[in-house]
Amino acid sequence: MSAKVFGGVAVAVGAIAVGGYVGVTSVANNKIDREVQDFLEEEELQDVVTYGSVKSNLIQQSVEFRDLEIVGDAGEVVSVDLLQMRDFDRQNDPPQFATVEARGMRMELEETPNPIVTQTLQQLGYDDLAADVTLSYEADPEQKTFNVSIDHRIPKMGSFSGRLQLSNVVLPEAGEVDGTVWLAENTGAELVEASLTYDDDSLLPRLVDYFAEQQGMSADAFKQQLTAGIPLATQFLPDSPIARQVSAELQEFIQTPDRLSIFVSPDRPVGLMRLSTVPPATLPELLGVAVSAN
């Protein structure tokens, strides 16, 4: 699935989730469908997003859509078995916390815009990629903090879990949720800490077997080749304990792929705008980067 398609999916899923939020907080369950349809028409998404059913639970403060279909620019169809919005803030506009979960998000490989990617995935043994994605966030306007987490899992491939904590964040006012304006107002936002974890579920061994066969090598020989190339790939980093740790942990992960985690924990919050001006070689030390395999 291309980045453009993913962007379209994110917009459509976000819009329908917000539509569900509008419905579940303002009307009874028997009227929520009409509220969502009105919202989609207002956003001109009625021809982009369709769904089989929508149900709200006022006690659990949740709304769920089943059998979603989202049409991309090229006519490709992304389907979502279940989209649920739960644990959201009903007292504030915009909500200061919420969780959105999509289960069974998939697109037929034949419809992917890149035939090379489609062919490679099929040769790796993937015919159907159904992803489960959960996104949660929590904001505190008084403390000016913003925390977000995302979990993305594709069976028989792997899963990603990301966490991000920001400080000095200016939250949008009620009725002014505009992404461009919001980013422009947050030039002083600071990175407190972040992490990214990948758990392999057979993707790396499949890739190793595939490329080893392409080069006429054994899988073990190809892994040794990859391992030997890690120091070269990290040579832009100045020699330091961090650089040596990154190299060693990546080598271990290639040999025995299980879990690879990257942690960012600077001694003090670092301004996001500053990151674009810092030489790449000094970023790991500035950000307190640590890598852990398995």
Protein backbone atom coordinates (compact mmCIF):
# COMPACT_ATOMS: atom_id res chain seq x y z
CA MET A 1 0.00 0.00 0.00
CA SER A 2 1.53 3.32 -1.04
CA ALA A 3 2.09 6.28 1.28
CA LYS A 4 -0.54 8.20 -0.70
CA VAL A 5 -3.13 5.47 -0.17
CA PHE A 6 -2.22 5.24 3.52
CA GLY A 7 -2.73 9.01 3.76
CA GLY A 8 -6.16 8.73 2.17
CA VAL A 9 -7.08 5.87 4.48
CA ALA A 10 -5.96 7.86 7.51
CA VAL A 11 -8.05 10.87 6.49
CA ALA A 12 -11.13 8.79 5.76
CA VAL A 13 -10.85 6.67 8.89
CA GLY A 14 -10.23 9.76 10.97
CA ALA A 15 -13.20 11.53 9.45
CA ILE A 16 -15.58 8.66 10.04
CA ALA A 17 -14.30 8.25 13.60
CA VAL A 18 -14.93 11.94 14.26
CA GLY A 19 -18.34 11.54 12.66
CA GLY A 20 -19.06 8.74 15.07
CA TYR A 21 -17.86 10.89 17.95
CA VAL A 22 -20.24 13.67 16.90
CA GLY A 23 -23.08 11.18 16.76
CA VAL A 24 -22.48 9.32 19.99
CA THR A 25 -22.10 12.49 22.02
CA SER A 26 -25.17 14.26 20.68
CA VAL A 27 -27.90 11.80 19.79
CA ALA A 28 -29.38 8.44 20.72
CA ASN A 29 -28.22 5.27 19.02
CA ASN A 30 -31.11 5.19 16.56
CA LYS A 31 -30.04 8.55 15.10
CA ILE A 32 -26.29 8.11 14.96
CA ASP A 33 -26.30 6.73 11.42
CA ARG A 34 -27.96 9.88 10.11
CA GLU A 35 -25.50 12.08 12.00
CA VAL A 36 -22.55 10.23 10.48
CA GLN A 37 -24.00 10.43 6.98
CA ASP A 38 -24.50 14.18 7.38
CA PHE A 39 -20.91 14.52 8.53
CA LEU A 40 -19.56 12.57 5.54
CA GLU A 41 -21.59 14.70 3.14
CA GLU A 42 -20.35 17.87 4.80
CA GLU A 43 -16.76 16.66 4.36
CA GLU A 44 -17.54 15.44 0.79
CA LEU A 45 -16.57 11.87 1.71
CA GLN A 46 -19.87 10.14 0.95
CA ASP A 47 -18.38 8.61 -2.23
CA VAL A 48 -15.13 7.70 -0.51
CA VAL A 49 -16.33 5.97 2.65
CA THR A 50 -19.14 3.46 3.08
CA TYR A 51 -19.95 1.14 5.97
CA GLY A 52 -22.27 -1.74 6.76
CA SER A 53 -23.41 -0.70 10.22
CA VAL A 54 -22.70 1.72 13.04
CA LYS A 55 -23.44 1.20 16.72
CA SER A 56 -22.84 3.35 19.78
CA ASN A 57 -22.65 2.50 23.45
CA LEU A 58 -23.32 5.54 25.63
CA ILE A 59 -22.44 3.66 28.83
CA GLN A 60 -19.03 2.51 27.59
CA GLN A 61 -18.55 5.75 25.65
CA SER A 62 -17.72 3.97 22.40
CA VAL A 63 -18.85 3.86 18.80
CA GLU A 64 -18.02 1.17 16.27
CA PHE A 65 -18.37 0.80 12.52
CA ARG A 66 -18.36 -2.56 10.75
CA ASP A 67 -17.52 -3.47 7.16
CA LEU A 68 -15.95 -0.17 6.12
CA GLU A 69 -14.81 0.39 2.54
CA ILE A 70 -12.56 3.31 1.60
CA VAL A 71 -11.92 4.11 -2.06
CA GLY A 72 -8.51 5.52 -3.03
CA ASP A 73 -7.71 8.01 -5.79
CA ALA A 74 -6.92 5.23 -8.26
CA GLY A 75 -10.07 3.27 -7.42
CA GLU A 76 -8.34 0.84 -5.09
CA VAL A 77 -10.49 -0.28 -2.18
CA VAL A 78 -9.29 -0.57 1.40
CA SER A 79 -11.62 -2.51 3.66
CA VAL A 80 -11.80 -2.43 7.44
CA ASP A 81 -13.66 -5.14 9.33
CA LEU A 82 -14.13 -3.07 12.48
CA LEU A 83 -13.40 0.55 13.41
CA GLN A 84 -13.97 1.44 17.04
CA MET A 85 -13.55 4.73 18.83
CA ARG A 86 -13.51 4.42 22.61
CA ASP A 87 -12.25 6.06 25.79
CA PHE A 88 -12.72 9.49 24.29
CA ASP A 89 -13.17 12.80 26.03
CA ARG A 90 -16.76 14.06 25.86
CA GLN A 91 -16.18 17.13 28.00
CA ASN A 92 -13.80 19.11 25.82
CA ASP A 93 -13.62 20.30 22.22
CA PRO A 94 -11.36 19.10 20.76
CA PRO A 95 -11.21 15.89 22.87
CA GLN A 96 -8.15 15.74 25.12
CA PHE A 97 -7.91 11.95 24.94
CA ALA A 98 -9.21 9.18 22.69
CA THR A 99 -8.45 5.73 21.34
CA VAL A 100 -9.24 4.57 17.79
CA GLU A 101 -8.81 0.94 16.78
CA ALA A 102 -9.08 -0.56 13.29
CA ARG A 103 -9.17 -4.34 12.91
CA GLY A 104 -8.78 -6.22 9.66
CA MET A 105 -7.59 -3.30 7.52
CA ARG A 106 -6.67 -4.76 4.14
CA MET A 107 -6.30 -4.14 0.42
CA GLU A 108 -6.03 -6.83 -2.23
CA LEU A 109 -2.43 -7.13 -3.35
CA GLU A 110 -3.51 -6.99 -6.99
CA GLU A 111 -4.82 -3.47 -6.36
CA THR A 112 -1.61 -2.05 -4.92
CA PRO A 113 -0.23 0.77 -7.11
CA ASN A 114 3.30 -0.73 -7.21
CA PRO A 115 3.43 -4.01 -9.13
CA ILE A 116 7.01 -4.69 -8.00
CA VAL A 117 5.97 -4.53 -4.35
CA THR A 118 2.98 -6.77 -5.11
CA GLN A 119 5.17 -9.35 -6.83
CA THR A 120 7.75 -9.32 -4.05
CA LEU A 121 5.12 -9.78 -1.34
CA GLN A 122 3.59 -12.69 -3.22
CA GLN A 123 7.00 -14.29 -3.65
CA LEU A 124 7.53 -13.90 0.08
CA GLY A 125 4.35 -15.92 0.59
CA TYR A 126 1.91 -13.11 1.40
CA ASP A 127 -1.46 -13.22 -0.33
CA ASP A 128 -3.54 -11.29 2.16
CA LEU A 129 -2.23 -8.63 4.53
CA ALA A 130 -4.79 -7.71 7.18
CA ALA A 131 -3.49 -5.11 9.63
CA ASP A 132 -4.74 -4.24 13.10
CA VAL A 133 -4.01 -0.66 14.16
CA THR A 134 -4.63 1.11 17.46
CA LEU A 135 -3.98 4.83 17.99
CA SER A 136 -4.28 6.57 21.36
CA TYR A 137 -3.49 10.07 22.49
CA GLU A 138 -3.74 12.19 25.63
CA ALA A 139 -3.25 15.94 25.89
CA ASP A 140 -3.02 18.24 28.90
CA PRO A 141 -3.58 21.91 27.96
CA GLU A 142 -2.45 23.16 31.36
CA GLN A 143 0.80 21.21 31.41
CA LYS A 144 1.14 21.63 27.62
CA THR A 145 1.95 17.96 27.16
CA PHE A 146 0.89 15.63 24.35
CA ASN A 147 1.37 11.86 24.43
CA VAL A 148 0.55 9.54 21.55
CA SER A 149 0.95 5.81 20.99
CA ILE A 150 0.35 3.61 17.97
CA ASP A 151 0.35 -0.17 17.60
CA HIS A 152 0.36 -1.76 14.13
CA ARG A 153 0.32 -5.53 13.59
CA ILE A 154 0.23 -7.67 10.46
CA PRO A 155 0.02 -11.43 11.20
CA LYS A 156 2.89 -13.52 9.83
CA MET A 157 4.83 -10.31 9.15
CA GLY A 158 5.40 -8.33 12.34
CA SER A 159 4.22 -5.54 14.58
CA PHE A 160 5.32 -1.99 15.35
CA SER A 161 4.67 -0.13 18.59
CA GLY A 162 5.51 3.55 18.83
CA ARG A 163 5.35 5.97 21.75
CA LEU A 164 5.91 9.73 21.68
CA GLN A 165 5.85 12.30 24.48
CA LEU A 166 5.99 16.03 23.73
CA SER A 167 6.05 19.09 25.97
CA ASN A 168 5.38 22.80 25.45
CA VAL A 169 2.57 21.94 23.04
CA VAL A 170 -0.15 24.49 22.29
CA LEU A 171 -3.48 22.73 21.87
CA PRO A 172 -6.06 24.03 19.35
CA GLU A 173 -9.04 26.03 20.50
CA ALA A 174 -12.59 24.69 20.25
CA GLY A 175 -13.69 24.43 16.63
CA GLU A 176 -10.21 25.20 15.31
CA VAL A 177 -8.81 21.75 14.58
CA ASP A 178 -6.71 22.62 11.53
CA GLY A 179 -3.57 20.51 11.18
CA THR A 180 -1.58 23.15 9.28
CA VAL A 181 -2.41 25.94 11.70
CA TRP A 182 -1.80 23.68 14.70
CA LEU A 183 1.68 22.73 13.50
CA ALA A 184 2.51 26.35 12.76
CA GLU A 185 1.59 27.30 16.31
CA ASN A 186 3.83 24.61 17.81
CA THR A 187 7.27 25.78 16.76
CA GLY A 188 8.27 25.58 20.42
CA ALA A 189 7.20 21.96 20.95
CA GLU A 190 9.84 19.77 22.60
CA LEU A 191 10.63 16.07 22.46
CA VAL A 192 10.63 14.49 25.93
CA GLU A 193 11.01 10.83 24.98
CA ALA A 194 10.05 8.33 22.32
CA SER A 195 10.34 4.66 21.52
CA LEU A 196 9.79 2.34 18.57
CA THR A 197 9.63 -1.43 18.91
CA TYR A 198 9.44 -3.99 16.13
CA ASP A 199 8.49 -7.61 16.85
CA ASP A 200 9.26 -9.89 13.93
CA ASP A 201 6.73 -12.53 12.94
CA SER A 202 8.65 -14.24 10.11
CA LEU A 203 9.17 -11.19 7.83
CA LEU A 204 12.96 -11.01 8.24
CA PRO A 205 13.56 -14.75 7.71
CA ARG A 206 11.39 -14.60 4.58
CA LEU A 207 13.39 -11.62 3.29
CA VAL A 208 16.68 -13.34 4.03
CA ASP A 209 15.59 -16.52 2.20
CA TYR A 210 14.29 -14.48 -0.75
CA PHE A 211 17.37 -12.32 -1.29
CA ALA A 212 19.75 -15.20 -0.56
CA GLU A 213 18.10 -17.18 -3.35
CA GLN A 214 18.31 -14.16 -5.66
CA GLN A 215 22.07 -14.01 -5.07
CA GLY A 216 22.63 -17.75 -5.18
CA MET A 217 23.68 -17.91 -1.54
CA SER A 218 22.60 -19.83 1.52
CA ALA A 219 20.49 -18.02 4.08
CA ASP A 220 23.29 -18.24 6.66
CA ALA A 221 25.82 -16.79 4.21
CA PHE A 222 23.49 -13.93 3.36
CA LYS A 223 22.94 -13.14 7.05
CA GLN A 224 26.69 -13.08 7.56
CA GLN A 225 26.97 -10.65 4.65
CA LEU A 226 24.31 -8.40 6.17
CA THR A 227 25.94 -8.56 9.59
CA ALA A 228 29.32 -7.63 8.14
CA GLY A 229 27.78 -4.60 6.45
CA ILE A 230 26.31 -3.10 9.64
CA PRO A 231 29.54 -1.30 10.70
CA LEU A 232 29.73 0.29 7.26
CA ALA A 233 26.09 1.39 7.46
CA THR A 234 26.71 3.08 10.83
CA GLN A 235 30.14 4.56 10.05
CA PHE A 236 28.63 8.07 9.77
CA LEU A 237 28.33 7.97 13.57
CA PRO A 238 31.40 9.08 15.52
CA ASP A 239 32.98 6.31 17.58
CA SER A 240 31.16 6.23 20.90
CA PRO A 241 29.46 3.76 23.25
CA ILE A 242 26.13 4.59 21.55
CA ALA A 243 27.47 3.88 18.06
CA ARG A 244 29.02 0.58 19.18
CA GLN A 245 25.78 -0.43 20.89
CA VAL A 246 23.69 0.35 17.81
CA SER A 247 26.00 -1.72 15.61
CA ALA A 248 26.11 -4.68 18.01
CA GLU A 249 22.34 -4.80 18.59
CA LEU A 250 21.54 -4.62 14.88
CA GLN A 251 23.94 -7.47 14.20
CA GLU A 252 22.29 -9.55 16.91
CA PHE A 253 18.83 -8.85 15.53
CA ILE A 254 19.83 -10.01 12.03
CA GLN A 255 21.25 -13.23 13.40
CA THR A 256 18.27 -14.01 15.65
CA PRO A 257 15.33 -11.79 14.67
CA ASP A 258 12.84 -11.38 17.46
CA ARG A 259 12.44 -7.87 18.89
CA LEU A 260 14.26 -4.66 18.03
CA SER A 261 13.65 -1.54 20.13
CA ILE A 262 14.89 2.02 19.72
CA PHE A 263 14.62 4.39 22.66
CA VAL A 264 15.04 8.17 22.65
CA SER A 265 15.46 9.78 26.05
CA PRO A 266 17.39 13.08 26.07
CA ASP A 267 18.73 14.49 29.33
CA ARG A 268 16.34 17.42 28.87
CA PRO A 269 13.54 18.09 26.33
CA VAL A 270 14.83 18.98 22.88
CA GLY A 271 13.03 21.48 20.65
CA LEU A 272 11.66 19.84 17.50
CA MET A 273 12.76 22.81 15.40
CA ARG A 274 16.32 22.35 16.66
CA LEU A 275 16.51 18.80 15.31
CA SER A 276 16.61 20.07 11.72
CA THR A 277 19.74 22.13 12.47
CA VAL A 278 21.77 19.49 14.34
CA PRO A 279 24.39 17.49 12.37
CA PRO A 280 23.11 13.90 11.96
CA ALA A 281 26.27 12.46 13.50
CA THR A 282 25.55 14.20 16.82
CA LEU A 283 21.85 13.35 17.03
CA PRO A 284 22.19 9.96 18.81
CA GLU A 285 24.11 11.50 21.72
CA LEU A 286 21.87 14.58 21.89
CA LEU A 287 18.72 12.45 21.96
CA GLY A 288 20.10 9.75 24.25
CA VAL A 289 19.46 7.00 21.71
CA ALA A 290 19.60 3.40 22.87
CA VAL A 291 18.98 0.23 20.86
CA SER A 292 18.05 -3.16 22.21
CA ALA A 293 17.65 -6.45 20.32
CA ASN A 294 15.74 -9.48 21.51
